[in-house]
Amino acid sequence: MKVAITGKGGVGKTTLTSMLAYILSKDYNVFAIDADPDMNLATNMGVNNNIKPLSEMKKLIKERTGAEPGSTFGEVFKINPYVSDIPDSYSYKINDNLRLLVMGTIEKGGEGCICPASVFLRALLRHLILKRDEIVILDMEAGIEHLGRRVAESVDLMIIVVEPSLKSINTAKRIKKLAEDIGIKNIEVVLNKISNIYEKKVIEDKLKEIGLDVLGTIPYDKNIIKADMSNTPPYKYKSQSFSAVKKIAEKIKNRY
């Protein structure tokens, strides 16, 4: 099972990713992939070590692609680099069934979208989604075009996290169109930071208008703020939000 989690910045997709990965790892082998340029998933999973993102491993990228990161498309490098050993060799072990892989970003001054680092990361994404047997959960940015059509068609579920704001709903609408354009068939919403039934109903009605179904609802939870301030994984707080994510995990297991 391959799940991509996306949404507007700040809606709680990284928190959902960490809790969902932890819960599913009780029964399955799981890879949690930080594919968001903000790279906060490690912190959310209680990893205090400074994990070097793959995009910054210049020696590795040169070894696999034949060119230095930052090289342009005019220079010769491998567009299908060997990456099958990367998940096991460069991931961080959270528990016996759960591993974390931080991809990083190539969006830096002077680097284009077609360069050795970009090719390397895209090849790794393809391998994780198309070749690995484990559950793979991707914490993504809102823009999803870099998945590519072949990879996107193999994603079992895309979850768009929505909070109580019009901006968040509008972002969900844009993501839905992008996801459908590249072949993702199953797109559902998780509502987060919901304070009351009325708020939930209003958002559900707006999402229904744009053709999005709600997979589950996570209530507003002060324990998430406490977890963040104390650098504690949110799944260690067996709170209302944790219970809500457990229900979401059960639905995913039953449907996908």
Protein backbone atom coordinates (compact mmCIF):
# COMPACT_ATOMS: atom_id res chain seq x y z
CA MET A 1 0.00 0.00 0.00
CA LYS A 2 1.31 3.43 -1.02
CA VAL A 3 -0.19 6.58 0.53
CA ALA A 4 0.69 10.19 -0.31
CA ILE A 5 -0.30 12.89 2.21
CA THR A 6 -0.49 16.50 1.10
CA GLY A 7 -2.21 19.81 1.82
CA LYS A 8 -1.58 23.49 2.47
CA GLY A 9 1.37 24.31 4.69
CA GLY A 10 0.54 24.16 8.39
CA VAL A 11 -2.59 22.00 8.15
CA GLY A 12 -1.00 19.10 10.04
CA LYS A 13 -0.06 16.68 7.28
CA THR A 14 3.32 15.89 8.86
CA THR A 15 1.64 15.13 12.19
CA LEU A 16 -0.85 12.86 10.42
CA THR A 17 1.99 11.14 8.53
CA SER A 18 3.95 10.40 11.70
CA MET A 19 0.95 9.07 13.63
CA LEU A 20 -0.37 7.02 10.71
CA ALA A 21 3.07 5.50 10.06
CA TYR A 22 3.50 4.64 13.74
CA ILE A 23 0.04 3.05 14.05
CA LEU A 24 0.39 0.98 10.87
CA SER A 25 3.87 -0.17 11.93
CA LYS A 26 2.23 -2.15 14.73
CA ASP A 27 1.09 -4.66 12.09
CA TYR A 28 3.18 -3.95 8.99
CA ASN A 29 6.62 -2.88 7.79
CA VAL A 30 6.38 0.83 7.00
CA PHE A 31 8.58 3.40 5.30
CA ALA A 32 7.78 7.01 6.27
CA ILE A 33 9.16 9.30 3.57
CA ASP A 34 9.78 13.00 4.11
CA ALA A 35 9.31 14.42 0.61
CA ASP A 36 8.40 17.94 1.83
CA PRO A 37 11.01 20.71 1.39
CA ASP A 38 10.34 21.81 5.00
CA MET A 39 11.62 18.42 6.24
CA ASN A 40 9.88 18.28 9.65
CA LEU A 41 8.94 14.59 9.69
CA ALA A 42 12.03 13.49 11.61
CA THR A 43 11.21 15.87 14.47
CA ASN A 44 7.60 14.63 14.49
CA MET A 45 8.89 11.09 14.85
CA GLY A 46 11.12 11.96 17.81
CA VAL A 47 14.41 11.80 15.93
CA ASN A 48 16.77 14.31 17.53
CA ASN A 49 19.76 13.41 15.38
CA ASN A 50 20.49 15.72 12.49
CA ILE A 51 19.56 13.50 9.55
CA LYS A 52 21.30 14.60 6.38
CA PRO A 53 18.78 14.74 3.51
CA LEU A 54 19.59 12.61 0.47
CA SER A 55 19.50 15.70 -1.74
CA GLU A 56 22.57 17.03 0.13
CA MET A 57 24.62 13.85 -0.28
CA LYS A 58 26.69 15.15 -3.18
CA LYS A 59 29.11 12.23 -3.25
CA LEU A 60 26.28 9.70 -3.38
CA ILE A 61 24.43 11.60 -6.11
CA LYS A 62 27.59 11.87 -8.20
CA GLU A 63 28.33 8.17 -7.68
CA ARG A 64 24.84 7.15 -8.86
CA THR A 65 24.24 9.69 -11.64
CA GLY A 66 27.78 10.37 -12.80
CA ALA A 67 27.52 14.13 -12.26
CA GLU A 68 27.76 16.70 -9.48
CA PRO A 69 24.48 18.05 -8.03
CA GLY A 70 23.69 21.33 -9.76
CA SER A 71 24.84 20.12 -13.17
CA THR A 72 22.55 21.10 -16.02
CA PHE A 73 20.73 18.90 -18.50
CA GLY A 74 23.36 19.79 -21.11
CA GLU A 75 25.87 17.74 -19.15
CA VAL A 76 25.89 13.97 -19.43
CA PHE A 77 24.53 11.99 -16.48
CA LYS A 78 22.44 8.87 -15.88
CA ILE A 79 18.71 9.52 -15.99
CA ASN A 80 17.94 6.09 -14.48
CA PRO A 81 20.39 5.81 -11.57
CA TYR A 82 20.64 2.73 -9.36
CA VAL A 83 18.63 3.39 -6.18
CA SER A 84 17.26 0.05 -4.98
CA ASP A 85 19.66 -0.11 -2.03
CA ILE A 86 18.94 3.45 -0.84
CA PRO A 87 15.83 2.82 1.33
CA ASP A 88 17.55 0.17 3.44
CA SER A 89 21.02 1.74 3.53
CA TYR A 90 20.11 5.40 4.13
CA SER A 91 16.92 5.24 6.22
CA TYR A 92 16.67 5.80 9.97
CA LYS A 93 15.20 3.04 12.14
CA ILE A 94 12.34 4.26 14.37
CA ASN A 95 11.29 0.80 15.57
CA ASP A 96 11.51 -2.78 14.30
CA ASN A 97 8.84 -2.18 11.64
CA LEU A 98 9.21 1.54 10.95
CA ARG A 99 11.93 3.37 9.05
CA LEU A 100 12.27 7.05 8.10
CA LEU A 101 13.81 8.36 4.87
CA VAL A 102 14.45 12.09 4.41
CA MET A 103 14.65 13.04 0.74
CA GLY A 104 15.23 16.77 0.96
CA THR A 105 14.76 19.25 -1.87
CA ILE A 106 16.65 20.49 -4.90
CA GLU A 107 14.86 23.83 -4.94
CA LYS A 108 17.88 26.04 -4.34
CA GLY A 109 19.17 29.10 -6.16
CA GLY A 110 20.63 28.23 -9.54
CA GLU A 111 19.34 24.64 -9.66
CA GLY A 112 16.78 23.69 -12.26
CA CYS A 113 14.29 20.87 -12.17
CA ILE A 114 16.34 18.67 -14.51
CA CYS A 115 19.62 18.01 -12.71
CA PRO A 116 21.37 15.01 -11.11
CA ALA A 117 19.80 15.60 -7.67
CA SER A 118 16.30 15.87 -9.15
CA VAL A 119 16.79 12.77 -11.32
CA PHE A 120 18.12 10.84 -8.32
CA LEU A 121 15.16 11.77 -6.08
CA ARG A 122 12.60 11.04 -8.80
CA ALA A 123 14.16 7.62 -9.42
CA LEU A 124 14.00 6.92 -5.69
CA LEU A 125 10.33 7.90 -5.53
CA ARG A 126 9.58 5.58 -8.45
CA HIS A 127 11.41 2.73 -6.73
CA LEU A 128 9.65 3.27 -3.39
CA ILE A 129 6.19 3.31 -4.94
CA LEU A 130 6.58 0.79 -7.76
CA LYS A 131 9.05 -1.73 -6.34
CA ARG A 132 8.89 -1.87 -2.54
CA ASP A 133 6.57 -4.31 -0.76
CA GLU A 134 6.33 -2.32 2.48
CA ILE A 135 3.66 0.25 3.22
CA VAL A 136 5.06 3.58 2.03
CA ILE A 137 3.65 6.82 3.44
CA LEU A 138 4.83 10.03 1.79
CA ASP A 139 4.71 13.40 3.53
CA MET A 140 4.49 15.64 0.45
CA GLU A 141 4.32 19.29 -0.45
CA ALA A 142 1.15 20.69 -2.02
CA GLY A 143 2.59 20.59 -5.54
CA ILE A 144 2.56 16.96 -6.68
CA GLU A 145 3.55 17.15 -10.35
CA HIS A 146 7.01 15.75 -9.57
CA LEU A 147 5.44 12.37 -8.83
CA GLY A 148 5.13 11.74 -12.58
CA ARG A 149 2.24 9.93 -14.26
CA ARG A 150 3.54 6.35 -13.94
CA VAL A 151 4.33 6.78 -10.25
CA ALA A 152 1.08 8.64 -9.52
CA GLU A 153 -1.01 5.89 -11.09
CA SER A 154 0.52 3.44 -8.59
CA VAL A 155 -0.34 5.50 -5.49
CA ASP A 156 -3.18 3.66 -3.76
CA LEU A 157 -4.47 6.71 -1.91
CA MET A 158 -3.83 10.43 -1.78
CA ILE A 159 -4.93 12.11 1.43
CA ILE A 160 -5.45 15.87 1.38
CA VAL A 161 -5.36 17.33 4.89
CA VAL A 162 -7.79 20.24 5.32
CA GLU A 163 -8.12 22.61 8.29
CA PRO A 164 -10.99 25.05 8.96
CA SER A 165 -10.00 27.76 6.47
CA LEU A 166 -11.06 28.78 2.98
CA LYS A 167 -7.41 28.81 1.86
CA SER A 168 -7.05 25.19 2.89
CA ILE A 169 -10.20 24.20 0.99
CA ASN A 170 -9.05 26.08 -2.12
CA THR A 171 -5.68 24.32 -1.93
CA ALA A 172 -7.50 20.99 -1.70
CA LYS A 173 -9.42 21.85 -4.86
CA ARG A 174 -6.19 22.61 -6.76
CA ILE A 175 -4.49 19.46 -5.49
CA LYS A 176 -7.47 17.35 -6.53
CA LYS A 177 -7.21 18.63 -10.11
CA LEU A 178 -3.43 18.08 -10.23
CA ALA A 179 -3.80 14.57 -8.80
CA GLU A 180 -6.50 13.61 -11.29
CA ASP A 181 -4.47 15.05 -14.17
CA ILE A 182 -1.59 12.68 -13.45
CA GLY A 183 -3.72 9.62 -12.85
CA ILE A 184 -4.34 9.33 -9.11
CA LYS A 185 -7.71 7.63 -8.74
CA ASN A 186 -8.34 7.55 -4.98
CA ILE A 187 -8.33 11.01 -3.39
CA GLU A 188 -9.84 11.58 0.05
CA VAL A 189 -9.73 14.27 2.72
CA VAL A 190 -8.83 14.18 6.39
CA LEU A 191 -10.27 17.10 8.35
CA ASN A 192 -7.90 18.38 11.03
CA LYS A 193 -8.16 20.82 13.96
CA ILE A 194 -11.96 20.58 14.02
CA SER A 195 -13.54 22.25 17.07
CA ASN A 196 -17.23 21.40 16.75
CA ILE A 197 -19.91 19.61 14.71
CA TYR A 198 -21.07 22.81 12.97
CA GLU A 199 -17.54 23.56 11.75
CA LYS A 200 -17.21 19.99 10.47
CA LYS A 201 -20.55 20.20 8.60
CA VAL A 202 -19.69 23.48 6.89
CA ILE A 203 -16.35 22.17 5.62
CA GLU A 204 -17.84 18.84 4.53
CA ASP A 205 -20.48 20.69 2.49
CA LYS A 206 -17.84 22.80 0.74
CA LEU A 207 -15.72 19.74 -0.01
CA LYS A 208 -18.75 17.90 -1.37
CA GLU A 209 -19.25 20.74 -3.85
CA ILE A 210 -15.80 20.06 -5.32
CA GLY A 211 -16.22 16.29 -5.27
CA LEU A 212 -14.08 15.32 -2.28
CA ASP A 213 -15.08 12.73 0.31
CA VAL A 214 -13.97 12.83 3.95
CA LEU A 215 -11.98 9.82 5.15
CA GLY A 216 -11.88 10.95 8.77
CA THR A 217 -11.87 13.85 11.21
CA ILE A 218 -9.20 14.80 13.76
CA PRO A 219 -10.36 17.15 16.53
CA TYR A 220 -8.49 20.25 17.64
CA ASP A 221 -6.03 18.92 20.21
CA LYS A 222 -3.83 20.97 22.56
CA ASN A 223 -1.68 17.89 23.08
CA ILE A 224 -0.33 18.30 19.55
CA ILE A 225 1.00 21.74 20.53
CA LYS A 226 2.48 20.28 23.73
CA ALA A 227 4.15 17.52 21.72
CA ASP A 228 5.66 20.05 19.33
CA MET A 229 6.95 22.34 22.10
CA SER A 230 8.47 19.43 24.03
CA ASN A 231 9.94 17.78 20.91
CA THR A 232 7.88 14.66 21.62
CA PRO A 233 6.32 12.48 18.90
CA PRO A 234 2.56 13.24 18.84
CA TYR A 235 1.73 9.53 18.88
CA LYS A 236 3.13 9.30 22.41
CA TYR A 237 0.16 11.35 23.58
CA LYS A 238 -2.72 8.84 23.57
CA SER A 239 -5.16 11.67 23.05
CA GLN A 240 -8.32 12.33 21.02
CA SER A 241 -6.26 12.98 17.90
CA PHE A 242 -4.41 9.67 18.26
CA SER A 243 -7.72 7.81 18.60
CA ALA A 244 -9.04 9.59 15.50
CA VAL A 245 -5.98 8.62 13.45
CA LYS A 246 -6.36 4.99 14.60
CA LYS A 247 -9.87 4.99 13.10
CA ILE A 248 -8.48 6.47 9.87
CA ALA A 249 -5.78 3.78 9.78
CA GLU A 250 -8.43 1.06 10.14
CA LYS A 251 -10.42 2.50 7.24
CA ILE A 252 -7.30 2.60 5.06
CA LYS A 253 -6.43 -1.02 5.91
CA ASN A 254 -9.96 -2.16 5.08
CA ARG A 255 -10.26 -0.22 1.83
CA TYR A 256 -6.78 -0.35 0.33
